[in-house]
Amino acid sequence: MNVHTARRWWVPLGLAAGLAAALPIAAHAYLGTYSRYIADDFCTASTLRRFGLLASQSYWYETWTGRYSYTFAVSLAQSIGPALTPWLTLLILIAWIVFITYAAQAMLGLRGIAPVAVALATVHVFSTLDGSPSVYQSLYWQTGMVTYTLPLVLSVVYAAWLWGAGLGRQGPRNTAAACTISLAAGFLLGGFSETYATLQTSALVFLLLSMPWLIARGKRSRAASLAAAGLAGSLLAGLTIALAPGTGIRRALMPAAPEFMPWAEATLRDGYLFLARTVKGSPEAIVLSIALPCVLVLLFASERDPKPQTGKGAGVGSLLPLLLLPIATPILMLSTIAPYEFAISSYPDARVLITTMFVLITGLAAWGAYLGKLLAGSTRMRSFPARLVALSLAVLVVVGLLAVSVRSASTILDQAEAARDYARSWDTRDRNLRQAAAVESGQVPAASLRHMGGLAEIGHDPEEWINRCVAGTYGVESVVAK
């Protein structure tokens, strides 16, 4: 089989895998059209209405949270209005797929091979969401999505840029300018949450420590400078959040910080519980995250580069990523849990754990893709029987993916009626509150709505925080549940 003959196989297989994984993603996008302001969304909207875009940033930093990138991003979205909220799920999913595709092309040598890269991207998105404990809070709820999911999606671009710029494949060529960009990216991304800032810091430290084995000596200095600059930005972000007056106020409401050993033990326990629940609840996501990248990259690489690996390229150095990823992935997963255990002394909220799931799926997919690339360089893969076996495995994996995706999409769409009813009720309440605000009513009775997010809703006490936030959003004196 030559390259052109093989292309008849890996192109349709890549397209089939991408379309199969896109089914549940499309279902998520559809369900997201019924998203509306919930809980904390009203608080940021109320503050924006009261202070404006810039002044509200100071308000939040001084009185409640140091997450400066989050407060700016969510305020920017809310300055457009609630009409944007139903489209945020679709927008973040598109960006996620596009950015992972870009990263796969840049970091795995798949440039110009859209079917394979898109397939890896859609499976990454599907598997991450399939294993996340609360897609509602992490994807459909605006506050949760902006705090936890958005920085993960943006981090993919930063990681791919850092890889290319560090190796000198993309600009700017001036190292000082590139370091400035890296520092700024680390600082801006780290400002979304302490969870992400800790993850980013841990990842950059691990990258710096592994550079002597992963990057050639001639390119190591520039790569290390860029990673160090990003690390400095990430540490600065963490300090900015930790030292915020609002963080101090919020911290005073939480349990006392635990000592190191109980904290470390609790973090390890939470990591084990998360992994056990994920393997039990979403075993398909785990298997597909390894198998699909492995077989697609194996098929593509064995035909794209017909020369087997020999000499240094096939030595111990080429095995290092396979050895390092199983070490790095659990460490990075624990880094997403540790901040919550330190602050709250409990297992993380469901919305936080999309970060942990993202790390797990990324580590598994990268391991599978690199394994496929390594196997493709083996002399044994040059035989027709070996390639036929690889092709057969790829077909089986894609068929399995289709079956899992159809089932997942069906499960997601089962929630559509409840989501539609909630959106209609929310829109009715929204019209009523706007009408009440227009005639300057005093205390306004409003419907307390049930939704699938398990988050706060309007109660009977007008001084309850959610009641005050809803009232402030619409500009009425107060609201109570009717």
Protein backbone atom coordinates (compact mmCIF):
# COMPACT_ATOMS: atom_id res chain seq x y z
CA MET A 1 0.00 0.00 0.00
CA ASN A 2 1.42 3.38 -0.97
CA VAL A 3 0.43 6.74 0.50
CA HIS A 4 -2.32 7.37 -2.01
CA THR A 5 -3.78 3.87 -1.56
CA ALA A 6 -3.67 4.19 2.24
CA ARG A 7 -5.32 7.58 2.08
CA ARG A 8 -8.45 5.83 0.84
CA TRP A 9 -8.56 4.24 4.29
CA TRP A 10 -7.38 6.73 6.91
CA VAL A 11 -9.24 9.68 5.37
CA PRO A 12 -12.69 8.03 5.50
CA LEU A 13 -11.88 6.47 8.87
CA GLY A 14 -10.90 9.88 10.24
CA LEU A 15 -14.05 11.43 8.82
CA ALA A 16 -16.21 8.64 10.22
CA ALA A 17 -14.64 8.95 13.67
CA GLY A 18 -15.03 12.72 13.64
CA LEU A 19 -18.67 12.56 12.60
CA ALA A 20 -19.42 9.83 15.14
CA ALA A 21 -17.93 11.79 18.05
CA ALA A 22 -19.69 14.92 16.79
CA LEU A 23 -23.13 13.41 17.47
CA PRO A 24 -23.09 13.86 21.28
CA ILE A 25 -21.25 17.17 20.86
CA ALA A 26 -24.07 18.42 18.64
CA ALA A 27 -26.57 17.20 21.23
CA HIS A 28 -24.73 19.23 23.89
CA ALA A 29 -24.79 22.29 21.64
CA TYR A 30 -28.54 21.87 21.12
CA LEU A 31 -29.23 21.49 24.82
CA GLY A 32 -27.07 24.55 25.44
CA THR A 33 -29.51 26.70 23.47
CA TYR A 34 -31.81 26.41 26.49
CA SER A 35 -29.19 27.84 28.84
CA ARG A 36 -30.18 30.95 30.78
CA TYR A 37 -28.79 33.02 33.66
CA ILE A 38 -28.68 30.93 36.84
CA ALA A 39 -27.47 31.68 40.39
CA ASP A 40 -24.11 33.54 40.25
CA ASP A 41 -24.86 34.75 36.73
CA PHE A 42 -27.36 37.17 38.25
CA CYS A 43 -24.76 38.46 40.72
CA THR A 44 -22.20 39.36 38.05
CA ALA A 45 -24.98 40.83 35.88
CA SER A 46 -26.29 42.89 38.79
CA THR A 47 -22.82 44.22 39.60
CA LEU A 48 -22.22 45.06 35.94
CA ARG A 49 -25.49 46.98 35.84
CA ARG A 50 -24.56 48.86 39.00
CA PHE A 51 -20.89 49.72 38.37
CA GLY A 52 -20.18 49.22 34.68
CA LEU A 53 -17.55 47.02 33.05
CA LEU A 54 -14.34 48.43 34.52
CA ALA A 55 -15.50 49.47 37.98
CA SER A 56 -17.13 46.09 38.53
CA GLN A 57 -13.70 44.45 38.20
CA SER A 58 -12.43 46.44 41.19
CA TYR A 59 -15.58 45.62 43.11
CA TRP A 60 -15.16 41.88 42.70
CA TYR A 61 -11.42 41.94 43.38
CA GLU A 62 -11.87 43.89 46.59
CA THR A 63 -15.00 42.22 47.96
CA TRP A 64 -15.23 38.60 46.82
CA THR A 65 -12.79 37.01 44.34
CA GLY A 66 -9.35 37.57 42.88
CA ARG A 67 -10.20 35.68 39.68
CA TYR A 68 -9.61 38.72 37.53
CA SER A 69 -9.74 36.99 34.13
CA TYR A 70 -13.00 35.27 35.02
CA THR A 71 -14.71 38.43 36.25
CA PHE A 72 -13.63 40.35 33.15
CA ALA A 73 -14.66 37.59 30.72
CA VAL A 74 -18.06 37.01 32.31
CA SER A 75 -18.72 40.76 32.57
CA LEU A 76 -17.79 41.17 28.92
CA ALA A 77 -20.24 38.42 27.96
CA GLN A 78 -22.98 39.94 30.10
CA SER A 79 -22.44 43.38 28.61
CA ILE A 80 -23.88 41.84 25.44
CA GLY A 81 -26.85 40.59 27.46
CA PRO A 82 -28.68 37.34 28.26
CA ALA A 83 -29.33 36.75 24.55
CA LEU A 84 -25.71 35.56 24.26
CA THR A 85 -26.01 32.85 26.92
CA PRO A 86 -27.88 30.27 24.78
CA TRP A 87 -25.08 30.43 22.21
CA LEU A 88 -22.11 30.14 24.56
CA THR A 89 -22.20 26.34 24.65
CA LEU A 90 -22.04 26.13 20.85
CA LEU A 91 -19.26 28.72 20.68
CA ILE A 92 -17.08 27.02 23.30
CA LEU A 93 -17.54 23.60 21.66
CA ILE A 94 -16.55 24.94 18.24
CA ALA A 95 -13.51 26.67 19.72
CA TRP A 96 -12.57 23.48 21.60
CA ILE A 97 -12.63 21.38 18.43
CA VAL A 98 -10.78 23.98 16.36
CA PHE A 99 -8.06 24.48 18.97
CA ILE A 100 -7.48 20.76 19.59
CA THR A 101 -7.31 20.26 15.82
CA TYR A 102 -4.68 22.99 15.60
CA ALA A 103 -2.71 21.50 18.49
CA ALA A 104 -2.86 17.98 17.02
CA GLN A 105 -1.58 19.23 13.69
CA ALA A 106 1.18 21.27 15.31
CA MET A 107 2.37 18.84 17.98
CA LEU A 108 1.82 15.46 16.33
CA GLY A 109 3.02 16.33 12.84
CA LEU A 110 -0.46 16.13 11.33
CA ARG A 111 -0.41 19.43 9.45
CA GLY A 112 -2.73 19.35 6.49
CA ILE A 113 -4.30 16.08 7.66
CA ALA A 114 -7.65 17.50 8.73
CA PRO A 115 -9.63 14.22 8.98
CA VAL A 116 -7.23 12.67 11.51
CA ALA A 117 -6.74 15.88 13.52
CA VAL A 118 -10.47 16.66 13.63
CA ALA A 119 -11.23 13.09 14.69
CA LEU A 120 -8.78 13.41 17.59
CA ALA A 121 -10.35 16.75 18.53
CA THR A 122 -13.95 15.57 18.53
CA VAL A 123 -13.10 12.43 20.50
CA HIS A 124 -11.22 14.58 23.02
CA VAL A 125 -14.26 16.84 23.52
CA PHE A 126 -16.71 13.95 23.64
CA SER A 127 -14.64 11.89 26.09
CA THR A 128 -13.99 14.84 28.41
CA LEU A 129 -17.66 15.74 28.61
CA ASP A 130 -18.78 12.11 28.83
CA GLY A 131 -16.65 11.58 31.95
CA SER A 132 -17.30 14.95 33.63
CA PRO A 133 -19.51 14.70 36.74
CA SER A 134 -21.71 17.70 35.84
CA VAL A 135 -21.80 18.85 32.24
CA TYR A 136 -24.65 21.19 33.21
CA GLN A 137 -22.51 23.15 35.65
CA SER A 138 -19.33 22.98 33.57
CA LEU A 139 -20.76 23.70 30.11
CA TYR A 140 -24.36 24.98 30.17
CA TRP A 141 -24.05 27.25 33.21
CA GLN A 142 -22.33 30.46 32.17
CA THR A 143 -20.42 31.02 35.40
CA GLY A 144 -19.10 27.46 35.58
CA MET A 145 -18.21 27.39 31.90
CA VAL A 146 -16.27 30.66 31.98
CA THR A 147 -14.48 29.78 35.22
CA TYR A 148 -13.38 26.25 34.43
CA THR A 149 -13.97 25.22 30.79
CA LEU A 150 -12.95 28.38 28.93
CA PRO A 151 -9.36 28.50 30.29
CA LEU A 152 -8.89 24.82 29.41
CA VAL A 153 -9.91 25.47 25.82
CA LEU A 154 -7.67 28.54 25.58
CA SER A 155 -4.79 26.63 27.16
CA VAL A 156 -4.70 24.32 24.14
CA VAL A 157 -3.73 27.25 21.93
CA TYR A 158 -1.11 28.39 24.42
CA ALA A 159 0.37 24.89 24.68
CA ALA A 160 0.55 24.48 20.89
CA TRP A 161 2.05 27.96 20.47
CA LEU A 162 4.57 27.31 23.25
CA TRP A 163 5.61 24.07 21.58
CA GLY A 164 6.07 25.67 18.16
CA ALA A 165 7.67 28.89 19.41
CA GLY A 166 9.96 27.01 21.79
CA LEU A 167 11.29 24.89 18.94
CA GLY A 168 11.64 27.92 16.68
CA ARG A 169 8.94 26.81 14.25
CA GLN A 170 6.83 29.94 14.64
CA GLY A 171 7.32 33.53 15.67
CA PRO A 172 8.25 35.86 17.00
CA ARG A 173 11.87 34.94 16.37
CA ASN A 174 13.04 37.45 18.97
CA THR A 175 13.26 35.46 22.20
CA ALA A 176 12.48 38.45 24.42
CA ALA A 177 9.28 39.17 22.52
CA ALA A 178 8.27 35.52 22.62
CA CYS A 179 8.93 35.41 26.39
CA THR A 180 6.72 38.47 26.85
CA ILE A 181 3.89 36.73 25.02
CA SER A 182 4.38 33.59 27.07
CA LEU A 183 4.40 35.51 30.35
CA ALA A 184 1.26 37.43 29.39
CA ALA A 185 -0.53 34.23 28.35
CA GLY A 186 0.41 32.50 31.60
CA PHE A 187 -0.81 35.47 33.61
CA LEU A 188 -4.10 35.93 31.76
CA LEU A 189 -5.00 32.23 31.74
CA GLY A 190 -4.02 31.80 35.37
CA GLY A 191 -6.46 34.54 36.34
CA PHE A 192 -9.53 32.42 35.62
CA SER A 193 -9.25 30.35 38.80
CA GLU A 194 -6.79 29.05 41.35
CA THR A 195 -7.59 25.55 40.03
CA TYR A 196 -6.35 26.37 36.57
CA ALA A 197 -3.43 28.47 37.85
CA THR A 198 -2.19 25.50 39.90
CA LEU A 199 -2.58 23.14 36.94
CA GLN A 200 -0.76 25.49 34.59
CA THR A 201 2.06 26.06 37.07
CA SER A 202 2.50 22.33 37.64
CA ALA A 203 2.50 21.61 33.90
CA LEU A 204 5.15 24.25 33.18
CA VAL A 205 7.35 23.00 36.03
CA PHE A 206 7.09 19.46 34.69
CA LEU A 207 7.91 20.70 31.18
CA LEU A 208 11.02 22.51 32.41
CA LEU A 209 12.23 19.47 34.34
CA SER A 210 11.74 17.13 31.38
CA MET A 211 13.38 19.35 28.75
CA PRO A 212 16.84 17.74 28.95
CA TRP A 213 15.29 14.48 27.70
CA LEU A 214 12.62 15.82 25.35
CA ILE A 215 14.22 18.70 23.47
CA ALA A 216 17.44 18.80 21.49
CA ARG A 217 20.31 20.71 23.07
CA GLY A 218 20.41 23.39 20.37
CA LYS A 219 16.76 24.36 20.93
CA ARG A 220 16.66 23.83 24.67
CA SER A 221 17.67 27.34 25.72
CA ARG A 222 14.89 29.14 23.85
CA ALA A 223 12.29 26.56 24.87
CA ALA A 224 13.33 26.81 28.52
CA SER A 225 13.17 30.61 28.41
CA LEU A 226 9.63 30.58 27.05
CA ALA A 227 8.45 27.97 29.54
CA ALA A 228 10.09 29.88 32.41
CA ALA A 229 8.38 33.08 31.31
CA GLY A 230 5.02 31.29 31.23
CA LEU A 231 5.75 29.87 34.67
CA ALA A 232 6.51 33.36 35.99
CA GLY A 233 3.20 34.60 34.59
CA SER A 234 1.37 31.66 36.12
CA LEU A 235 2.94 32.19 39.54
CA LEU A 236 2.13 35.89 39.35
CA ALA A 237 -1.47 35.00 38.54
CA GLY A 238 -1.66 32.72 41.56
CA LEU A 239 -0.26 35.43 43.82
CA THR A 240 -2.65 38.02 42.38
CA ILE A 241 -5.60 35.77 43.18
CA ALA A 242 -4.29 34.74 46.62
CA LEU A 243 -3.51 38.30 47.74
CA ALA A 244 -6.78 39.83 46.56
CA PRO A 245 -8.76 41.45 49.40
CA GLY A 246 -11.84 39.63 48.13
CA THR A 247 -10.07 36.29 48.43
CA GLY A 248 -9.32 37.09 52.07
CA ILE A 249 -12.98 37.91 52.73
CA ARG A 250 -14.11 34.72 51.04
CA ARG A 251 -11.41 32.67 52.77
CA ALA A 252 -12.69 33.80 56.18
CA LEU A 253 -15.98 32.05 55.42
CA MET A 254 -14.25 28.73 54.72
CA PRO A 255 -12.79 26.11 57.07
CA ALA A 256 -9.30 26.71 58.42
CA ALA A 257 -6.51 25.66 56.05
CA PRO A 258 -5.42 22.07 56.78
CA GLU A 259 -1.91 21.05 57.69
CA PHE A 260 0.27 19.59 54.96
CA MET A 261 -0.05 15.85 55.65
CA PRO A 262 -3.86 15.77 56.08
CA TRP A 263 -4.15 17.98 52.99
CA ALA A 264 -1.89 15.70 50.93
CA GLU A 265 -3.73 12.59 52.11
CA ALA A 266 -7.12 14.12 51.30
CA THR A 267 -5.91 15.18 47.84
CA LEU A 268 -4.64 11.65 47.09
CA ARG A 269 -7.90 10.17 48.35
CA ASP A 270 -9.96 12.51 46.17
CA GLY A 271 -7.80 11.68 43.17
CA TYR A 272 -8.37 7.97 43.73
CA LEU A 273 -12.13 8.47 44.15
CA PHE A 274 -12.32 10.54 40.97
CA LEU A 275 -10.40 7.96 38.95
CA ALA A 276 -12.42 5.05 40.35
CA ARG A 277 -15.71 6.78 39.61
CA THR A 278 -14.57 7.74 36.12
CA VAL A 279 -13.40 4.25 35.23
CA LYS A 280 -16.64 2.79 36.57
CA GLY A 281 -18.95 5.41 35.06
CA SER A 282 -17.25 6.10 31.72
CA PRO A 283 -14.99 3.20 30.76
CA GLU A 284 -15.71 3.81 27.08
CA ALA A 285 -14.28 7.31 27.28
CA ILE A 286 -11.05 5.93 28.76
CA VAL A 287 -10.64 3.22 26.12
CA LEU A 288 -11.54 5.43 23.16
CA SER A 289 -9.21 8.20 24.31
CA ILE A 290 -6.28 5.81 23.93
CA ALA A 291 -7.43 3.52 21.13
CA LEU A 292 -8.62 6.02 18.52
CA PRO A 293 -5.52 8.28 18.56
CA CYS A 294 -3.32 5.19 18.53
CA VAL A 295 -4.88 3.49 15.51
CA LEU A 296 -5.43 6.64 13.44
CA VAL A 297 -1.91 7.96 13.99
CA LEU A 298 -0.54 4.45 13.40
CA LEU A 299 -2.30 4.17 10.05
CA PHE A 300 -1.38 7.67 8.98
CA ALA A 301 2.23 7.68 10.15
CA SER A 302 3.08 4.23 8.76
CA GLU A 303 2.04 5.34 5.27
CA ARG A 304 3.21 8.94 5.46
CA ASP A 305 6.72 7.95 6.61
CA PRO A 306 7.51 4.57 5.05
CA LYS A 307 11.02 4.34 6.56
CA PRO A 308 11.21 2.36 9.82
CA GLN A 309 12.89 3.90 12.87
CA THR A 310 16.43 2.72 13.41
CA GLY A 311 19.41 3.85 15.39
CA LYS A 312 18.94 6.67 17.90
CA GLY A 313 15.41 7.44 16.85
CA ALA A 314 14.28 4.00 17.92
CA GLY A 315 16.22 3.96 21.19
CA VAL A 316 15.37 4.75 24.78
CA GLY A 317 14.90 8.45 23.99
CA SER A 318 11.93 7.71 21.76
CA LEU A 319 10.27 5.83 24.64
CA LEU A 320 10.54 8.71 27.10
CA PRO A 321 7.14 10.29 26.32
CA LEU A 322 5.51 6.91 26.89
CA LEU A 323 7.22 6.72 30.27
CA LEU A 324 6.76 10.36 31.30
CA LEU A 325 3.07 10.77 30.43
CA PRO A 326 1.87 8.13 32.93
CA ILE A 327 3.84 10.00 35.59
CA ALA A 328 2.85 13.54 34.58
CA THR A 329 -0.87 12.88 34.07
CA PRO A 330 -1.71 11.76 37.66
CA ILE A 331 0.42 14.55 39.10
CA LEU A 332 -1.39 17.15 37.00
CA MET A 333 -4.75 15.63 37.89
CA LEU A 334 -3.92 15.97 41.59
CA SER A 335 -2.89 19.58 41.00
CA THR A 336 -6.48 20.35 39.95
CA ILE A 337 -7.85 18.84 43.17
CA ALA A 338 -5.34 20.19 45.69
CA PRO A 339 -6.51 23.86 45.65
CA TYR A 340 -10.10 22.90 46.43
CA GLU A 341 -9.09 20.58 49.25
CA PHE A 342 -6.90 23.34 50.68
CA ALA A 343 -9.68 25.95 50.54
CA ILE A 344 -12.78 23.89 51.33
CA SER A 345 -11.43 20.67 52.90
CA SER A 346 -13.80 18.52 50.86
CA TYR A 347 -14.13 16.65 47.59
CA PRO A 348 -14.29 19.20 44.73
CA ASP A 349 -17.59 20.44 43.36
CA ALA A 350 -18.70 18.65 40.20
CA ARG A 351 -18.07 21.66 37.97
CA VAL A 352 -14.42 21.83 39.05
CA LEU A 353 -13.74 18.26 37.99
CA ILE A 354 -14.05 18.96 34.28
CA THR A 355 -10.49 20.27 34.72
CA THR A 356 -9.37 16.92 36.15
CA MET A 357 -11.17 15.03 33.38
CA PHE A 358 -9.60 17.27 30.73
CA VAL A 359 -6.13 16.44 32.04
CA LEU A 360 -6.89 12.70 32.15
CA ILE A 361 -8.24 12.58 28.58
CA THR A 362 -5.42 14.76 27.25
CA GLY A 363 -2.81 12.50 28.86
CA LEU A 364 -4.46 9.33 27.57
CA ALA A 365 -4.91 10.72 24.04
CA ALA A 366 -1.32 11.98 23.87
CA TRP A 367 -0.04 8.62 25.11
CA GLY A 368 -2.14 6.74 22.56
CA ALA A 369 -1.11 9.03 19.70
CA TYR A 370 2.58 8.74 20.54
CA LEU A 371 2.28 4.97 20.87
CA GLY A 372 0.73 4.86 17.40
CA LYS A 373 3.51 7.02 16.00
CA LEU A 374 6.15 4.80 17.63
CA LEU A 375 4.56 1.60 16.35
CA ALA A 376 4.34 3.06 12.87
CA GLY A 377 8.13 3.33 12.82
CA SER A 378 8.60 -0.35 13.59
CA THR A 379 9.89 -2.59 10.81
CA ARG A 380 7.13 -5.07 11.63
CA MET A 381 4.51 -2.54 10.59
CA ARG A 382 5.90 -2.55 7.04
CA SER A 383 4.35 -5.91 6.25
CA PHE A 384 0.96 -6.18 4.58
CA PRO A 385 -0.52 -8.44 7.32
CA ALA A 386 0.47 -5.97 10.05
CA ARG A 387 -1.12 -3.07 8.19
CA LEU A 388 -4.23 -5.12 7.56
CA VAL A 389 -4.49 -5.86 11.29
CA ALA A 390 -4.03 -2.16 12.09
CA LEU A 391 -6.72 -1.24 9.58
CA SER A 392 -9.10 -3.83 11.02
CA LEU A 393 -8.51 -2.51 14.54
CA ALA A 394 -9.16 1.03 13.35
CA VAL A 395 -12.47 -0.03 11.80
CA LEU A 396 -13.49 -1.78 15.03
CA VAL A 397 -12.60 1.27 17.12
CA VAL A 398 -14.58 3.61 14.85
CA VAL A 399 -17.60 1.26 14.93
CA GLY A 400 -17.35 1.12 18.72
CA LEU A 401 -17.10 4.90 18.86
CA LEU A 402 -20.23 5.23 16.74
CA ALA A 403 -22.19 2.90 19.03
CA VAL A 404 -21.08 4.77 22.17
CA SER A 405 -21.73 8.16 20.56
CA VAL A 406 -25.26 7.28 19.46
CA ARG A 407 -26.10 6.06 22.96
CA SER A 408 -24.57 9.17 24.55
CA ALA A 409 -26.38 11.54 22.18
CA SER A 410 -29.66 9.80 22.94
CA THR A 411 -29.08 10.16 26.69
CA ILE A 412 -28.29 13.85 26.30
CA LEU A 413 -31.37 14.52 24.17
CA ASP A 414 -33.57 12.80 26.76
CA GLN A 415 -33.08 15.97 28.81
CA ALA A 416 -34.26 18.26 26.03
CA GLU A 417 -37.91 18.46 27.12
CA ALA A 418 -37.01 19.46 30.68
CA ALA A 419 -34.48 22.00 29.39
CA ARG A 420 -37.03 23.43 26.94
CA ASP A 421 -39.68 23.79 29.65
CA TYR A 422 -37.20 25.51 31.94
CA ALA A 423 -36.15 27.96 29.21
CA ARG A 424 -39.77 28.84 28.45
CA SER A 425 -40.52 29.44 32.14
CA TRP A 426 -37.34 31.50 32.49
CA ASP A 427 -38.26 33.65 29.49
CA THR A 428 -41.73 34.26 30.94
CA ARG A 429 -40.25 35.29 34.28
CA ASP A 430 -37.71 37.49 32.49
CA ARG A 431 -40.52 39.36 30.66
CA ASN A 432 -42.50 39.79 33.87
CA LEU A 433 -39.52 41.18 35.80
CA ARG A 434 -38.66 43.58 32.99
CA GLN A 435 -42.23 44.82 32.93
CA ALA A 436 -42.18 45.25 36.72
CA ALA A 437 -38.94 47.23 36.45
CA ALA A 438 -40.45 49.49 33.80
CA VAL A 439 -43.28 50.59 36.13
CA GLU A 440 -40.97 50.91 39.16
CA SER A 441 -42.70 48.26 41.25
CA GLY A 442 -41.64 47.63 44.83
CA GLN A 443 -41.32 44.05 45.94
CA VAL A 444 -41.99 41.78 42.97
CA PRO A 445 -43.20 38.18 43.26
CA ALA A 446 -41.33 35.93 40.81
CA ALA A 447 -41.41 32.26 39.95
CA SER A 448 -38.78 30.05 41.57
CA LEU A 449 -37.77 27.71 38.76
CA ARG A 450 -36.52 24.16 38.89
CA HIS A 451 -33.56 23.32 36.70
CA MET A 452 -31.09 20.47 36.24
CA GLY A 453 -28.07 22.33 37.60
CA GLY A 454 -28.74 21.94 41.32
CA LEU A 455 -27.93 25.62 41.85
CA ALA A 456 -29.58 28.38 43.92
CA GLU A 457 -32.98 29.78 42.93
CA ILE A 458 -35.22 32.60 44.15
CA GLY A 459 -36.51 31.98 47.68
CA HIS A 460 -39.02 33.56 50.06
CA ASP A 461 -36.49 35.79 51.83
CA PRO A 462 -35.90 39.00 49.82
CA GLU A 463 -32.52 39.42 51.58
CA GLU A 464 -31.24 36.04 50.40
CA TRP A 465 -28.21 36.57 48.14
CA ILE A 466 -29.84 35.10 45.05
CA ASN A 467 -32.95 37.23 45.54
CA ARG A 468 -30.84 40.38 45.85
CA CYS A 469 -28.81 39.47 42.75
CA VAL A 470 -31.94 38.86 40.66
CA ALA A 471 -33.45 42.14 41.86
CA GLY A 472 -30.26 44.00 41.00
CA THR A 473 -30.10 42.45 37.54
CA TYR A 474 -33.54 43.80 36.64
CA GLY A 475 -33.38 46.99 38.67
CA VAL A 476 -36.36 46.28 40.96
CA GLU A 477 -36.48 46.94 44.67
CA SER A 478 -36.69 43.26 45.71
CA VAL A 479 -38.01 39.90 44.55
CA VAL A 480 -39.57 36.98 46.45
CA ALA A 481 -40.68 33.55 45.34
CA LYS A 482 -44.39 33.42 44.70
